[in-house]
Every structure is written in structure tokens, then in C-alpha cells.
Amino acid sequence: TLKVTDEQNSQNDEKKDVKMVDTEEKITLKVTDEQDNAMQFRVKPSTTLKKIFDHFASKQAVARSELRFYHNGTKLKDDDTPKDLNLGEGDTIEVLKQQVGGQ
């Protein structure tokens, strides 16, 4: 709790309690893979995408290192945030399994 003095009433030394309110509203992002497995996540715009990626991999029982995450064709990084990428309510993140080269 932050104590703030009301300037108009400063002669009376009247103080008001001001609670620090988290004004960052959560958004819903959809994560879907090639098999149409989909999950929705409610996150703050400042949340790193790594949290979403790790949770999705865990729930799909796939090693995180085998997955690549994209939005509109752009590869996403672990330290990206929805705010950094201008992701909004209902946006979709596509998941692809890493393809290992052959002959």
C-alpha cells in the first residue's frame, strides 16, 4: 500500500491509502499444432512466451526442443512477449515439430 498525501488537504495532513492496481489486462492466446491439438492460455501481455511453450510441450508429452512456435510465419523466441509482438485477444500461435534432415 502506498501512502499519498492529498495536496488540497495537506494543511490537515490528511492521508489516503492508494492500492497499487495491476492494470495489465490478460489476453487469450490459442496455441495449435499440426494435429489440431489446441490449448488456450490467458496471459498478461508482459508474460514471456517461454511459459506458454513449456506448458504446451509438457501437456503434449513432447520434448520442448522438438517444437518450433510461429505467428503469421514469424518464428517466436522464448523471451518474446505478446506485447513485443503486438499479439492480441484470440491470436493463434502455430506449433511445428522440428524436422531432422535426411538424405
PDB file of N, CA and C in Angstrom:
ATOM      1  N   THR A   1       0.842  -1.177   0.000  1.00  0.00           N
ATOM      2  CA  THR A   1       0.000   0.000   0.000  1.00  0.00           C
ATOM      3  C   THR A   1       0.881   1.231   0.000  1.00  0.00           C
ATOM      4  N   LEU A   2       0.530   2.169  -0.835  1.00  0.00           N
ATOM      5  CA  LEU A   2       1.284   3.399  -0.970  1.00  0.00           C
ATOM      6  C   LEU A   2       0.526   4.515  -0.271  1.00  0.00           C
ATOM      7  N   LYS A   3       1.220   5.261   0.545  1.00  0.00           N
ATOM      8  CA  LYS A   3       0.589   6.398   1.224  1.00  0.00           C
ATOM      9  C   LYS A   3       0.783   7.641   0.369  1.00  0.00           C
ATOM     10  N   VAL A   4      -0.311   8.341   0.105  1.00  0.00           N
ATOM     11  CA  VAL A   4      -0.262   9.549  -0.709  1.00  0.00           C
ATOM     12  C   VAL A   4      -0.932  10.673   0.062  1.00  0.00           C
ATOM     13  N   THR A   5      -0.296  11.810   0.053  1.00  0.00           N
ATOM     14  CA  THR A   5      -0.888  12.973   0.711  1.00  0.00           C
ATOM     15  C   THR A   5      -1.696  13.751  -0.312  1.00  0.00           C
ATOM     16  N   ASP A   6      -2.931  14.048   0.016  1.00  0.00           N
ATOM     17  CA  ASP A   6      -3.799  14.846  -0.837  1.00  0.00           C
ATOM     18  C   ASP A   6      -3.344  16.290  -0.718  1.00  0.00           C
ATOM     19  N   GLU A   7      -2.874  16.892  -1.840  1.00  0.00           N
ATOM     20  CA  GLU A   7      -2.306  18.239  -1.784  1.00  0.00           C
ATOM     21  C   GLU A   7      -3.304  19.277  -1.292  1.00  0.00           C
ATOM     22  N   GLN A   8      -4.566  19.167  -1.663  1.00  0.00           N
ATOM     23  CA  GLN A   8      -5.556  20.159  -1.241  1.00  0.00           C
ATOM     24  C   GLN A   8      -5.789  20.107   0.263  1.00  0.00           C
ATOM     25  N   ASN A   9      -5.607  18.956   0.846  1.00  0.00           N
ATOM     26  CA  ASN A   9      -5.842  18.812   2.281  1.00  0.00           C
ATOM     27  C   ASN A   9      -4.536  18.656   3.047  1.00  0.00           C
ATOM     28  N   SER A  10      -3.439  19.124   2.452  1.00  0.00           N
ATOM     29  CA  SER A  10      -2.156  18.906   3.108  1.00  0.00           C
ATOM     30  C   SER A  10      -2.045  19.673   4.425  1.00  0.00           C
ATOM     31  N   GLN A  11      -2.809  20.784   4.559  1.00  0.00           N
ATOM     32  CA  GLN A  11      -2.770  21.512   5.826  1.00  0.00           C
ATOM     33  C   GLN A  11      -3.299  20.631   6.954  1.00  0.00           C
ATOM     34  N   ASN A  12      -4.261  19.780   6.633  1.00  0.00           N
ATOM     35  CA  ASN A  12      -4.843  18.893   7.637  1.00  0.00           C
ATOM     36  C   ASN A  12      -4.017  17.625   7.803  1.00  0.00           C
ATOM     37  N   ASP A  13      -2.993  17.508   6.966  1.00  0.00           N
ATOM     38  CA  ASP A  13      -2.133  16.329   6.979  1.00  0.00           C
ATOM     39  C   ASP A  13      -2.954  15.049   6.806  1.00  0.00           C
ATOM     40  N   GLU A  14      -3.960  15.150   5.943  1.00  0.00           N
ATOM     41  CA  GLU A  14      -4.845  14.013   5.686  1.00  0.00           C
ATOM     42  C   GLU A  14      -4.182  13.086   4.674  1.00  0.00           C
ATOM     43  N   LYS A  15      -4.164  11.804   4.964  1.00  0.00           N
ATOM     44  CA  LYS A  15      -3.533  10.843   4.060  1.00  0.00           C
ATOM     45  C   LYS A  15      -4.558   9.845   3.563  1.00  0.00           C
ATOM     46  N   LYS A  16      -4.345   9.388   2.343  1.00  0.00           N
ATOM     47  CA  LYS A  16      -5.238   8.400   1.749  1.00  0.00           C
ATOM     48  C   LYS A  16      -4.425   7.173   1.372  1.00  0.00           C
ATOM     49  N   ASP A  17      -5.047   6.020   1.494  1.00  0.00           N
ATOM     50  CA  ASP A  17      -4.401   4.792   1.044  1.00  0.00           C
ATOM     51  C   ASP A  17      -4.700   4.597  -0.437  1.00  0.00           C
ATOM     52  N   VAL A  18      -3.665   4.336  -1.191  1.00  0.00           N
ATOM     53  CA  VAL A  18      -3.835   4.046  -2.611  1.00  0.00           C
ATOM     54  C   VAL A  18      -3.238   2.672  -2.855  1.00  0.00           C
ATOM     55  N   LYS A  19      -4.049   1.771  -3.368  1.00  0.00           N
ATOM     56  CA  LYS A  19      -3.547   0.427  -3.643  1.00  0.00           C
ATOM     57  C   LYS A  19      -2.965   0.397  -5.041  1.00  0.00           C
ATOM     58  N   MET A  20      -1.832  -0.259  -5.162  1.00  0.00           N
ATOM     59  CA  MET A  20      -1.214  -0.421  -6.472  1.00  0.00           C
ATOM     60  C   MET A  20      -2.022  -1.478  -7.215  1.00  0.00           C
ATOM     61  N   VAL A  21      -2.639  -1.086  -8.301  1.00  0.00           N
ATOM     62  CA  VAL A  21      -3.508  -1.983  -9.050  1.00  0.00           C
ATOM     63  C   VAL A  21      -2.781  -2.434 -10.306  1.00  0.00           C
ATOM     64  N   ASP A  22      -2.825  -3.722 -10.567  1.00  0.00           N
ATOM     65  CA  ASP A  22      -2.234  -4.258 -11.784  1.00  0.00           C
ATOM     66  C   ASP A  22      -3.193  -3.943 -12.924  1.00  0.00           C
ATOM     67  N   THR A  23      -2.822  -2.974 -13.748  1.00  0.00           N
ATOM     68  CA  THR A  23      -3.716  -2.527 -14.813  1.00  0.00           C
ATOM     69  C   THR A  23      -3.544  -3.335 -16.092  1.00  0.00           C
ATOM     70  N   GLU A  24      -2.603  -4.255 -16.100  1.00  0.00           N
ATOM     71  CA  GLU A  24      -2.341  -5.042 -17.296  1.00  0.00           C
ATOM     72  C   GLU A  24      -3.397  -6.137 -17.424  1.00  0.00           C
ATOM     73  N   GLU A  25      -4.267  -6.008 -18.416  1.00  0.00           N
ATOM     74  CA  GLU A  25      -5.333  -6.980 -18.602  1.00  0.00           C
ATOM     75  C   GLU A  25      -4.812  -8.199 -19.344  1.00  0.00           C
ATOM     76  N   LYS A  26      -5.328  -9.353 -18.986  1.00  0.00           N
ATOM     77  CA  LYS A  26      -4.902 -10.590 -19.631  1.00  0.00           C
ATOM     78  C   LYS A  26      -5.566 -10.735 -20.995  1.00  0.00           C
ATOM     79  N   ILE A  27      -4.862 -11.426 -21.882  1.00  0.00           N
ATOM     80  CA  ILE A  27      -5.407 -11.745 -23.193  1.00  0.00           C
ATOM     81  C   ILE A  27      -5.402 -13.259 -23.360  1.00  0.00           C
ATOM     82  N   THR A  28      -6.237 -13.751 -24.255  1.00  0.00           N
ATOM     83  CA  THR A  28      -6.290 -15.180 -24.538  1.00  0.00           C
ATOM     84  C   THR A  28      -5.551 -15.449 -25.837  1.00  0.00           C
ATOM     85  N   LEU A  29      -4.583 -16.367 -25.781  1.00  0.00           N
ATOM     86  CA  LEU A  29      -3.860 -16.805 -26.964  1.00  0.00           C
ATOM     87  C   LEU A  29      -4.156 -18.275 -27.193  1.00  0.00           C
ATOM     88  N   LYS A  30      -4.292 -18.651 -28.447  1.00  0.00           N
ATOM     89  CA  LYS A  30      -4.546 -20.045 -28.801  1.00  0.00           C
ATOM     90  C   LYS A  30      -3.262 -20.621 -29.389  1.00  0.00           C
ATOM     91  N   VAL A  31      -2.892 -21.805 -28.926  1.00  0.00           N
ATOM     92  CA  VAL A  31      -1.716 -22.498 -29.444  1.00  0.00           C
ATOM     93  C   VAL A  31      -2.205 -23.793 -30.069  1.00  0.00           C
ATOM     94  N   THR A  32      -1.870 -24.004 -31.336  1.00  0.00           N
ATOM     95  CA  THR A  32      -2.354 -25.185 -32.047  1.00  0.00           C
ATOM     96  C   THR A  32      -1.231 -25.830 -32.848  1.00  0.00           C
ATOM     97  N   ASP A  33      -1.241 -27.168 -32.911  1.00  0.00           N
ATOM     98  CA  ASP A  33      -0.201 -27.873 -33.658  1.00  0.00           C
ATOM     99  C   ASP A  33      -0.765 -28.484 -34.937  1.00  0.00           C
ATOM    100  N   GLU A  34       0.084 -29.235 -35.640  1.00  0.00           N
ATOM    101  CA  GLU A  34      -0.289 -29.812 -36.937  1.00  0.00           C
ATOM    102  C   GLU A  34      -1.397 -30.856 -36.833  1.00  0.00           C
ATOM    103  N   GLN A  35      -1.561 -31.458 -35.671  1.00  0.00           N
ATOM    104  CA  GLN A  35      -2.613 -32.460 -35.467  1.00  0.00           C
ATOM    105  C   GLN A  35      -3.889 -31.826 -34.904  1.00  0.00           C
ATOM    106  N   ASP A  36      -3.972 -30.528 -34.965  1.00  0.00           N
ATOM    107  CA  ASP A  36      -5.116 -29.774 -34.447  1.00  0.00           C
ATOM    108  C   ASP A  36      -5.304 -29.905 -32.941  1.00  0.00           C
ATOM    109  N   ASN A  37      -4.234 -30.247 -32.218  1.00  0.00           N
ATOM    110  CA  ASN A  37      -4.270 -30.167 -30.760  1.00  0.00           C
ATOM    111  C   ASN A  37      -4.188 -28.680 -30.427  1.00  0.00           C
ATOM    112  N   ALA A  38      -5.129 -28.208 -29.646  1.00  0.00           N
ATOM    113  CA  ALA A  38      -5.155 -26.775 -29.342  1.00  0.00           C
ATOM    114  C   ALA A  38      -5.312 -26.550 -27.847  1.00  0.00           C
ATOM    115  N   MET A  39      -4.676 -25.499 -27.380  1.00  0.00           N
ATOM    116  CA  MET A  39      -4.799 -25.073 -25.989  1.00  0.00           C
ATOM    117  C   MET A  39      -4.950 -23.560 -25.987  1.00  0.00           C
ATOM    118  N   GLN A  40      -5.691 -23.064 -25.014  1.00  0.00           N
ATOM    119  CA  GLN A  40      -5.822 -21.623 -24.854  1.00  0.00           C
ATOM    120  C   GLN A  40      -5.138 -21.205 -23.563  1.00  0.00           C
ATOM    121  N   PHE A  41      -4.479 -20.067 -23.621  1.00  0.00           N
ATOM    122  CA  PHE A  41      -3.761 -19.531 -22.475  1.00  0.00           C
ATOM    123  C   PHE A  41      -4.213 -18.100 -22.220  1.00  0.00           C
ATOM    124  N   ARG A  42      -4.535 -17.787 -20.953  1.00  0.00           N
ATOM    125  CA  ARG A  42      -4.830 -16.405 -20.549  1.00  0.00           C
ATOM    126  C   ARG A  42      -3.573 -15.868 -19.886  1.00  0.00           C
ATOM    127  N   VAL A  43      -2.968 -14.893 -20.524  1.00  0.00           N
ATOM    128  CA  VAL A  43      -1.693 -14.368 -20.047  1.00  0.00           C
ATOM    129  C   VAL A  43      -1.688 -12.845 -20.077  1.00  0.00           C
ATOM    130  N   LYS A  44      -0.801 -12.287 -19.297  1.00  0.00           N
ATOM    131  CA  LYS A  44      -0.569 -10.851 -19.352  1.00  0.00           C
ATOM    132  C   LYS A  44       0.291 -10.568 -20.584  1.00  0.00           C
ATOM    133  N   PRO A  45       0.134  -9.419 -21.190  1.00  0.00           N
ATOM    134  CA  PRO A  45       0.949  -9.081 -22.357  1.00  0.00           C
ATOM    135  C   PRO A  45       2.453  -9.073 -22.079  1.00  0.00           C
ATOM    136  N   SER A  46       2.845  -8.949 -20.822  1.00  0.00           N
ATOM    137  CA  SER A  46       4.269  -8.923 -20.473  1.00  0.00           C
ATOM    138  C   SER A  46       4.838 -10.308 -20.150  1.00  0.00           C
ATOM    139  N   THR A  47       4.014 -11.349 -20.201  1.00  0.00           N
ATOM    140  CA  THR A  47       4.468 -12.710 -19.905  1.00  0.00           C
ATOM    141  C   THR A  47       5.360 -13.218 -21.034  1.00  0.00           C
ATOM    142  N   THR A  48       6.501 -13.812 -20.690  1.00  0.00           N
ATOM    143  CA  THR A  48       7.346 -14.366 -21.751  1.00  0.00           C
ATOM    144  C   THR A  48       6.675 -15.600 -22.340  1.00  0.00           C
ATOM    145  N   LEU A  49       6.839 -15.763 -23.644  1.00  0.00           N
ATOM    146  CA  LEU A  49       6.201 -16.880 -24.334  1.00  0.00           C
ATOM    147  C   LEU A  49       6.784 -18.224 -23.908  1.00  0.00           C
ATOM    148  N   LYS A  50       7.972 -18.226 -23.317  1.00  0.00           N
ATOM    149  CA  LYS A  50       8.584 -19.473 -22.851  1.00  0.00           C
ATOM    150  C   LYS A  50       7.634 -20.239 -21.932  1.00  0.00           C
ATOM    151  N   LYS A  51       6.916 -19.533 -21.084  1.00  0.00           N
ATOM    152  CA  LYS A  51       5.983 -20.191 -20.164  1.00  0.00           C
ATOM    153  C   LYS A  51       4.901 -20.942 -20.933  1.00  0.00           C
ATOM    154  N   ILE A  52       4.389 -20.322 -21.984  1.00  0.00           N
ATOM    155  CA  ILE A  52       3.371 -20.965 -22.815  1.00  0.00           C
ATOM    156  C   ILE A  52       3.975 -22.156 -23.549  1.00  0.00           C
ATOM    157  N   PHE A  53       5.145 -21.960 -24.140  1.00  0.00           N
ATOM    158  CA  PHE A  53       5.793 -23.019 -24.917  1.00  0.00           C
ATOM    159  C   PHE A  53       6.068 -24.245 -24.047  1.00  0.00           C
ATOM    160  N   ASP A  54       6.634 -24.010 -22.870  1.00  0.00           N
ATOM    161  CA  ASP A  54       6.967 -25.119 -21.969  1.00  0.00           C
ATOM    162  C   ASP A  54       5.714 -25.877 -21.534  1.00  0.00           C
ATOM    163  N   HIS A  55       4.659 -25.152 -21.224  1.00  0.00           N
ATOM    164  CA  HIS A  55       3.419 -25.789 -20.777  1.00  0.00           C
ATOM    165  C   HIS A  55       2.791 -26.604 -21.907  1.00  0.00           C
ATOM    166  N   PHE A  56       2.778 -26.061 -23.101  1.00  0.00           N
ATOM    167  CA  PHE A  56       2.207 -26.775 -24.245  1.00  0.00           C
ATOM    168  C   PHE A  56       2.984 -28.072 -24.486  1.00  0.00           C
ATOM    169  N   ALA A  57       4.307 -27.997 -24.503  1.00  0.00           N
ATOM    170  CA  ALA A  57       5.137 -29.186 -24.730  1.00  0.00           C
ATOM    171  C   ALA A  57       4.882 -30.233 -23.657  1.00  0.00           C
ATOM    172  N   SER A  58       4.789 -29.801 -22.411  1.00  0.00           N
ATOM    173  CA  SER A  58       4.548 -30.719 -21.304  1.00  0.00           C
ATOM    174  C   SER A  58       3.211 -31.436 -21.460  1.00  0.00           C
ATOM    175  N   LYS A  59       2.161 -30.680 -21.774  1.00  0.00           N
ATOM    176  CA  LYS A  59       0.825 -31.275 -21.916  1.00  0.00           C
ATOM    177  C   LYS A  59       0.733 -32.208 -23.121  1.00  0.00           C
ATOM    178  N   GLN A  60       1.541 -31.958 -24.145  1.00  0.00           N
ATOM    179  CA  GLN A  60       1.526 -32.809 -25.334  1.00  0.00           C
ATOM    180  C   GLN A  60       2.536 -33.954 -25.212  1.00  0.00           C
ATOM    181  N   ALA A  61       3.257 -34.010 -24.101  1.00  0.00           N
ATOM    182  CA  ALA A  61       4.271 -35.044 -23.843  1.00  0.00           C
ATOM    183  C   ALA A  61       5.320 -35.084 -24.954  1.00  0.00           C
ATOM    184  N   VAL A  62       5.787 -33.891 -25.317  1.00  0.00           N
ATOM    185  CA  VAL A  62       6.805 -33.749 -26.355  1.00  0.00           C
ATOM    186  C   VAL A  62       7.947 -32.931 -25.765  1.00  0.00           C
ATOM    187  N   ALA A  63       9.174 -33.296 -26.134  1.00  0.00           N
ATOM    188  CA  ALA A  63      10.317 -32.520 -25.662  1.00  0.00           C
ATOM    189  C   ALA A  63      10.224 -31.105 -26.224  1.00  0.00           C
ATOM    190  N   ARG A  64      10.422 -30.139 -25.386  1.00  0.00           N
ATOM    191  CA  ARG A  64      10.319 -28.734 -25.794  1.00  0.00           C
ATOM    192  C   ARG A  64      11.262 -28.431 -26.956  1.00  0.00           C
ATOM    193  N   SER A  65      12.429 -29.061 -26.965  1.00  0.00           N
ATOM    194  CA  SER A  65      13.424 -28.804 -28.009  1.00  0.00           C
ATOM    195  C   SER A  65      12.974 -29.278 -29.393  1.00  0.00           C
ATOM    196  N   GLU A  66      11.936 -30.123 -29.439  1.00  0.00           N
ATOM    197  CA  GLU A  66      11.441 -30.635 -30.718  1.00  0.00           C
ATOM    198  C   GLU A  66      10.405 -29.715 -31.358  1.00  0.00           C
ATOM    199  N   LEU A  67       9.989 -28.679 -30.656  1.00  0.00           N
ATOM    200  CA  LEU A  67       8.908 -27.829 -31.152  1.00  0.00           C
ATOM    201  C   LEU A  67       9.411 -26.451 -31.563  1.00  0.00           C
ATOM    202  N   ARG A  68       8.774 -25.920 -32.600  1.00  0.00           N
ATOM    203  CA  ARG A  68       9.027 -24.554 -33.055  1.00  0.00           C
ATOM    204  C   ARG A  68       7.684 -23.832 -33.064  1.00  0.00           C
ATOM    205  N   PHE A  69       7.687 -22.589 -32.633  1.00  0.00           N
ATOM    206  CA  PHE A  69       6.452 -21.818 -32.495  1.00  0.00           C
ATOM    207  C   PHE A  69       6.489 -20.615 -33.442  1.00  0.00           C
ATOM    208  N   TYR A  70       5.358 -20.394 -34.130  1.00  0.00           N
ATOM    209  CA  TYR A  70       5.278 -19.337 -35.140  1.00  0.00           C
ATOM    210  C   TYR A  70       3.985 -18.546 -34.993  1.00  0.00           C
ATOM    211  N   HIS A  71       4.051 -17.296 -35.417  1.00  0.00           N
ATOM    212  CA  HIS A  71       2.842 -16.472 -35.541  1.00  0.00           C
ATOM    213  C   HIS A  71       2.943 -15.749 -36.877  1.00  0.00           C
ATOM    214  N   ASN A  72       1.967 -15.988 -37.741  1.00  0.00           N
ATOM    215  CA  ASN A  72       1.959 -15.393 -39.087  1.00  0.00           C
ATOM    216  C   ASN A  72       3.282 -15.609 -39.815  1.00  0.00           C
ATOM    217  N   GLY A  73       3.849 -16.818 -39.678  1.00  0.00           N
ATOM    218  CA  GLY A  73       5.074 -17.166 -40.392  1.00  0.00           C
ATOM    219  C   GLY A  73       6.361 -16.719 -39.729  1.00  0.00           C
ATOM    220  N   THR A  74       6.265 -15.975 -38.646  1.00  0.00           N
ATOM    221  CA  THR A  74       7.455 -15.498 -37.940  1.00  0.00           C
ATOM    222  C   THR A  74       7.758 -16.423 -36.772  1.00  0.00           C
ATOM    223  N   LYS A  75       9.011 -16.913 -36.726  1.00  0.00           N
ATOM    224  CA  LYS A  75       9.410 -17.792 -35.626  1.00  0.00           C
ATOM    225  C   LYS A  75       9.479 -16.978 -34.335  1.00  0.00           C
ATOM    226  N   LEU A  76       8.904 -17.528 -33.281  1.00  0.00           N
ATOM    227  CA  LEU A  76       8.863 -16.853 -31.987  1.00  0.00           C
ATOM    228  C   LEU A  76       9.995 -17.339 -31.100  1.00  0.00           C
ATOM    229  N   LYS A  77      10.500 -16.439 -30.265  1.00  0.00           N
ATOM    230  CA  LYS A  77      11.581 -16.771 -29.343  1.00  0.00           C
ATOM    231  C   LYS A  77      11.041 -16.861 -27.917  1.00  0.00           C
ATOM    232  N   ASP A  78      11.750 -17.611 -27.078  1.00  0.00           N
ATOM    233  CA  ASP A  78      11.336 -17.807 -25.685  1.00  0.00           C
ATOM    234  C   ASP A  78      11.141 -16.494 -24.932  1.00  0.00           C
ATOM    235  N   ASP A  79      12.008 -15.521 -25.189  1.00  0.00           N
ATOM    236  CA  ASP A  79      11.935 -14.284 -24.413  1.00  0.00           C
ATOM    237  C   ASP A  79      11.015 -13.233 -25.037  1.00  0.00           C
ATOM    238  N   ASP A  80      10.340 -13.575 -26.142  1.00  0.00           N
ATOM    239  CA  ASP A  80       9.327 -12.677 -26.705  1.00  0.00           C
ATOM    240  C   ASP A  80       8.140 -12.597 -25.752  1.00  0.00           C
ATOM    241  N   THR A  81       7.423 -11.498 -25.814  1.00  0.00           N
ATOM    242  CA  THR A  81       6.177 -11.357 -25.058  1.00  0.00           C
ATOM    243  C   THR A  81       5.065 -10.996 -26.044  1.00  0.00           C
ATOM    244  N   PRO A  82       3.813 -11.255 -25.681  1.00  0.00           N
ATOM    245  CA  PRO A  82       2.716 -10.836 -26.559  1.00  0.00           C
ATOM    246  C   PRO A  82       2.778  -9.336 -26.874  1.00  0.00           C
ATOM    247  N   LYS A  83       3.181  -8.549 -25.890  1.00  0.00           N
ATOM    248  CA  LYS A  83       3.277  -7.099 -26.091  1.00  0.00           C
ATOM    249  C   LYS A  83       4.335  -6.769 -27.139  1.00  0.00           C
ATOM    250  N   ASP A  84       5.505  -7.434 -27.060  1.00  0.00           N
ATOM    251  CA  ASP A  84       6.582  -7.205 -28.031  1.00  0.00           C
ATOM    252  C   ASP A  84       6.108  -7.467 -29.456  1.00  0.00           C
ATOM    253  N   LEU A  85       5.273  -8.488 -29.618  1.00  0.00           N
ATOM    254  CA  LEU A  85       4.850  -8.951 -30.937  1.00  0.00           C
ATOM    255  C   LEU A  85       3.501  -8.383 -31.369  1.00  0.00           C
ATOM    256  N   ASN A  86       2.939  -7.515 -30.548  1.00  0.00           N
ATOM    257  CA  ASN A  86       1.602  -6.958 -30.812  1.00  0.00           C
ATOM    258  C   ASN A  86       0.542  -8.043 -30.956  1.00  0.00           C
ATOM    259  N   LEU A  87       0.677  -9.122 -30.168  1.00  0.00           N
ATOM    260  CA  LEU A  87      -0.343 -10.166 -30.163  1.00  0.00           C
ATOM    261  C   LEU A  87      -1.532  -9.659 -29.358  1.00  0.00           C
ATOM    262  N   GLY A  88      -2.711  -9.980 -29.834  1.00  0.00           N
ATOM    263  CA  GLY A  88      -3.906  -9.519 -29.152  1.00  0.00           C
ATOM    264  C   GLY A  88      -4.851 -10.651 -28.827  1.00  0.00           C
ATOM    265  N   GLU A  89      -5.981 -10.297 -28.280  1.00  0.00           N
ATOM    266  CA  GLU A  89      -7.010 -11.243 -27.869  1.00  0.00           C
ATOM    267  C   GLU A  89      -7.352 -12.192 -29.015  1.00  0.00           C
ATOM    268  N   GLY A  90      -7.234 -13.502 -28.748  1.00  0.00           N
ATOM    269  CA  GLY A  90      -7.642 -14.518 -29.713  1.00  0.00           C
ATOM    270  C   GLY A  90      -6.615 -14.867 -30.773  1.00  0.00           C
ATOM    271  N   ASP A  91      -5.440 -14.240 -30.753  1.00  0.00           N
ATOM    272  CA  ASP A  91      -4.423 -14.575 -31.754  1.00  0.00           C
ATOM    273  C   ASP A  91      -3.956 -16.015 -31.584  1.00  0.00           C
ATOM    274  N   THR A  92      -3.494 -16.603 -32.692  1.00  0.00           N
ATOM    275  CA  THR A  92      -3.089 -18.006 -32.698  1.00  0.00           C
ATOM    276  C   THR A  92      -1.586 -18.131 -32.911  1.00  0.00           C
ATOM    277  N   ILE A  93      -0.989 -19.032 -32.140  1.00  0.00           N
ATOM    278  CA  ILE A  93       0.414 -19.407 -32.306  1.00  0.00           C
ATOM    279  C   ILE A  93       0.421 -20.816 -32.877  1.00  0.00           C
ATOM    280  N   GLU A  94       1.125 -20.997 -33.996  1.00  0.00           N
ATOM    281  CA  GLU A  94       1.204 -22.310 -34.628  1.00  0.00           C
ATOM    282  C   GLU A  94       2.440 -23.043 -34.120  1.00  0.00           C
ATOM    283  N   VAL A  95       2.292 -24.359 -33.928  1.00  0.00           N
ATOM    284  CA  VAL A  95       3.383 -25.187 -33.432  1.00  0.00           C
ATOM    285  C   VAL A  95       3.744 -26.209 -34.503  1.00  0.00           C
ATOM    286  N   LEU A  96       5.029 -26.291 -34.818  1.00  0.00           N
ATOM    287  CA  LEU A  96       5.519 -27.288 -35.764  1.00  0.00           C
ATOM    288  C   LEU A  96       6.591 -28.112 -35.081  1.00  0.00           C
ATOM    289  N   LYS A  97       6.614 -29.411 -35.393  1.00  0.00           N
ATOM    290  CA  LYS A  97       7.686 -30.252 -34.868  1.00  0.00           C
ATOM    291  C   LYS A  97       8.928 -30.012 -35.706  1.00  0.00           C
ATOM    292  N   GLN A  98      10.059 -29.983 -35.027  1.00  0.00           N
ATOM    293  CA  GLN A  98      11.323 -29.804 -35.724  1.00  0.00           C
ATOM    294  C   GLN A  98      11.530 -30.979 -36.657  1.00  0.00           C
ATOM    295  N   GLN A  99      11.943 -30.687 -37.880  1.00  0.00           N
ATOM    296  CA  GLN A  99      12.215 -31.756 -38.830  1.00  0.00           C
ATOM    297  C   GLN A  99      13.713 -31.970 -38.892  1.00  0.00           C
ATOM    298  N   VAL A 100      14.110 -33.222 -38.708  1.00  0.00           N
ATOM    299  CA  VAL A 100      15.520 -33.561 -38.753  1.00  0.00           C
ATOM    300  C   VAL A 100      15.857 -33.928 -40.187  1.00  0.00           C
ATOM    301  N   GLY A 101      16.929 -33.355 -40.689  1.00  0.00           N
ATOM    302  CA  GLY A 101      17.327 -33.571 -42.085  1.00  0.00           C
ATOM    303  C   GLY A 101      17.645 -35.023 -42.388  1.00  0.00           C
ATOM    304  N   GLY A 102      17.434 -35.392 -43.628  1.00  0.00           N
ATOM    305  CA  GLY A 102      17.709 -36.758 -44.077  1.00  0.00           C
ATOM    306  C   GLY A 102      18.622 -36.722 -45.278  1.00  0.00           C
ATOM    307  N   GLN A 103      18.616 -37.803 -46.019  1.00  0.00           N
ATOM    308  CA  GLN A 103      19.495 -37.872 -47.189  1.00  0.00           C
ATOM    309  C   GLN A 103      18.725 -37.693 -48.456  1.00  0.00           C
TER     310      GLN A 103
END
